[in-house]
Amino acid sequence: MQAFSKRWQIGSAMALLCGGLSFPAVAQSLACPLPQARHDPGVLKESPAQIEATGSFLASGDMVNRVAEVVADLRKRYPGVADAEIENYLVTAYCPVAAKLDGLGVAEQRARVDQFARQASAAIYGH
């Protein structure tokens, strides 16, 4: 299992555990992964604007085909990029889109991101 997927599951589990505790009413929002520094080894060299544009593109149409298109583009522009890095990039790009969906609670937003991550994984790994 990829490190990001593991972190996302742990974060989701912690949110569920903490959800039953009594805390003062605070506006909650979906916590999205932050883009990694572009100079780190193995990280896609995409700017924040490119990441945001990718998220908008993914959300603006047929998700399955759009994911496949972005994956193909990334593999072309970054030969040899690790599949896990593509998966991390896609979830990082899509999560803020899900976080802005009107009328959804945090749990529903997280479910949308989880569903997207499964679609992205299928496109990347072919399962």
Protein backbone atom coordinates (compact mmCIF):
# COMPACT_ATOMS: atom_id res chain seq x y z
CA MET A 1 0.00 0.00 0.00
CA GLN A 2 1.32 3.42 -0.86
CA ALA A 3 2.43 5.73 1.96
CA PHE A 4 -0.14 8.40 1.04
CA SER A 5 -3.01 5.94 1.05
CA LYS A 6 -1.89 4.69 4.44
CA ARG A 7 -1.71 8.26 5.81
CA TRP A 8 -5.17 9.04 4.38
CA GLN A 9 -6.65 5.94 6.06
CA ILE A 10 -4.98 6.77 9.38
CA GLY A 11 -6.23 10.35 9.16
CA SER A 12 -9.75 9.15 8.35
CA ALA A 13 -9.66 6.72 11.27
CA MET A 14 -8.45 9.42 13.66
CA ALA A 15 -11.21 11.76 12.48
CA LEU A 16 -13.79 9.04 13.15
CA LEU A 17 -12.37 8.35 16.61
CA CYS A 18 -12.33 12.04 17.51
CA GLY A 19 -15.78 12.56 16.04
CA GLY A 20 -17.39 10.94 19.06
CA LEU A 21 -15.64 13.23 21.53
CA SER A 22 -17.25 16.39 22.83
CA PHE A 23 -15.54 19.50 21.52
CA PRO A 24 -16.79 23.07 21.36
CA ALA A 25 -18.62 23.83 18.13
CA VAL A 26 -16.00 24.80 15.58
CA ALA A 27 -16.42 25.13 11.86
CA GLN A 28 -14.94 21.97 10.43
CA SER A 29 -13.34 21.64 7.06
CA LEU A 30 -11.80 18.82 5.13
CA ALA A 31 -8.05 18.60 5.72
CA CYS A 32 -6.38 18.18 2.34
CA PRO A 33 -2.80 17.12 1.70
CA LEU A 34 -0.47 19.99 0.88
CA PRO A 35 1.68 19.98 -2.25
CA GLN A 36 5.27 18.96 -1.59
CA ALA A 37 8.17 21.26 -2.33
CA ARG A 38 8.90 21.17 -6.06
CA HIS A 39 12.62 20.68 -5.55
CA ASP A 40 12.30 17.47 -3.51
CA PRO A 41 13.49 14.34 -5.33
CA GLY A 42 10.72 12.24 -6.84
CA VAL A 43 8.15 15.06 -6.62
CA LEU A 44 6.33 16.22 -9.72
CA LYS A 45 7.48 19.73 -10.59
CA GLU A 46 4.01 21.26 -10.79
CA SER A 47 3.22 24.76 -9.51
CA PRO A 48 0.31 25.43 -7.14
CA ALA A 49 -1.54 27.00 -10.08
CA GLN A 50 -1.01 23.83 -12.17
CA ILE A 51 -2.23 21.65 -9.29
CA GLU A 52 -5.34 23.82 -8.91
CA ALA A 53 -5.99 23.72 -12.66
CA THR A 54 -5.69 19.92 -12.59
CA GLY A 55 -8.24 19.72 -9.76
CA SER A 56 -10.67 21.92 -11.70
CA PHE A 57 -10.14 19.85 -14.85
CA LEU A 58 -10.78 16.60 -12.98
CA ALA A 59 -14.02 17.92 -11.50
CA SER A 60 -15.38 19.42 -14.69
CA GLY A 61 -16.37 16.32 -16.61
CA ASP A 62 -16.25 12.57 -16.93
CA MET A 63 -13.99 11.78 -13.97
CA VAL A 64 -12.79 8.37 -15.18
CA ASN A 65 -11.66 9.66 -18.57
CA ARG A 66 -10.19 12.84 -17.10
CA VAL A 67 -8.12 10.88 -14.59
CA ALA A 68 -6.77 8.65 -17.38
CA GLU A 69 -5.93 11.74 -19.43
CA VAL A 70 -4.05 13.42 -16.56
CA VAL A 71 -2.18 10.18 -15.77
CA ALA A 72 -1.10 9.82 -19.41
CA ASP A 73 0.00 13.47 -19.52
CA LEU A 74 2.03 13.18 -16.31
CA ARG A 75 3.74 10.00 -17.48
CA LYS A 76 4.62 11.70 -20.78
CA ARG A 77 6.02 14.83 -19.12
CA TYR A 78 7.72 12.97 -16.25
CA PRO A 79 9.09 9.68 -17.65
CA GLY A 80 9.81 7.18 -14.91
CA VAL A 81 7.64 8.90 -12.31
CA ALA A 82 6.51 6.54 -9.56
CA ASP A 83 2.87 5.48 -9.62
CA ALA A 84 2.50 6.49 -5.97
CA GLU A 85 3.67 10.02 -6.80
CA ILE A 86 1.00 10.30 -9.50
CA GLU A 87 -1.62 9.07 -7.04
CA ASN A 88 -0.50 11.58 -4.42
CA TYR A 89 -0.57 14.38 -6.99
CA LEU A 90 -4.09 13.53 -8.17
CA VAL A 91 -5.52 13.38 -4.65
CA THR A 92 -3.72 16.61 -3.73
CA ALA A 93 -5.26 18.27 -6.79
CA TYR A 94 -8.80 16.92 -6.28
CA CYS A 95 -9.19 17.25 -2.49
CA PRO A 96 -9.67 21.07 -2.45
CA VAL A 97 -12.39 20.67 -5.09
CA ALA A 98 -14.26 18.22 -2.85
CA ALA A 99 -13.70 20.50 0.16
CA LYS A 100 -15.56 23.30 -1.63
CA LEU A 101 -18.63 21.26 -2.58
CA ASP A 102 -21.68 23.05 -1.21
CA GLY A 103 -24.09 21.25 1.03
CA LEU A 104 -21.75 18.43 2.02
CA GLY A 105 -20.41 17.77 5.49
CA VAL A 106 -16.81 16.86 6.13
CA ALA A 107 -17.59 13.14 6.19
CA GLU A 108 -19.31 13.39 2.80
CA GLN A 109 -16.42 15.42 1.38
CA ARG A 110 -13.96 12.82 2.69
CA ALA A 111 -16.08 10.07 1.10
CA ARG A 112 -15.87 11.90 -2.24
CA VAL A 113 -12.08 12.11 -1.96
CA ASP A 114 -11.87 8.45 -0.98
CA GLN A 115 -14.02 7.50 -3.98
CA PHE A 116 -11.83 9.63 -6.23
CA ALA A 117 -8.67 8.02 -4.81
CA ARG A 118 -10.07 4.57 -5.68
CA GLN A 119 -10.79 5.73 -9.24
CA ALA A 120 -7.33 7.23 -9.54
CA SER A 121 -5.73 4.06 -8.21
CA ALA A 122 -7.63 1.98 -10.76
CA ALA A 123 -6.45 4.26 -13.58
CA ILE A 124 -2.86 4.24 -12.39
CA TYR A 125 -2.42 0.59 -11.43
CA GLY A 126 -4.93 -0.89 -13.87
CA HIS A 127 -7.21 -2.57 -11.32
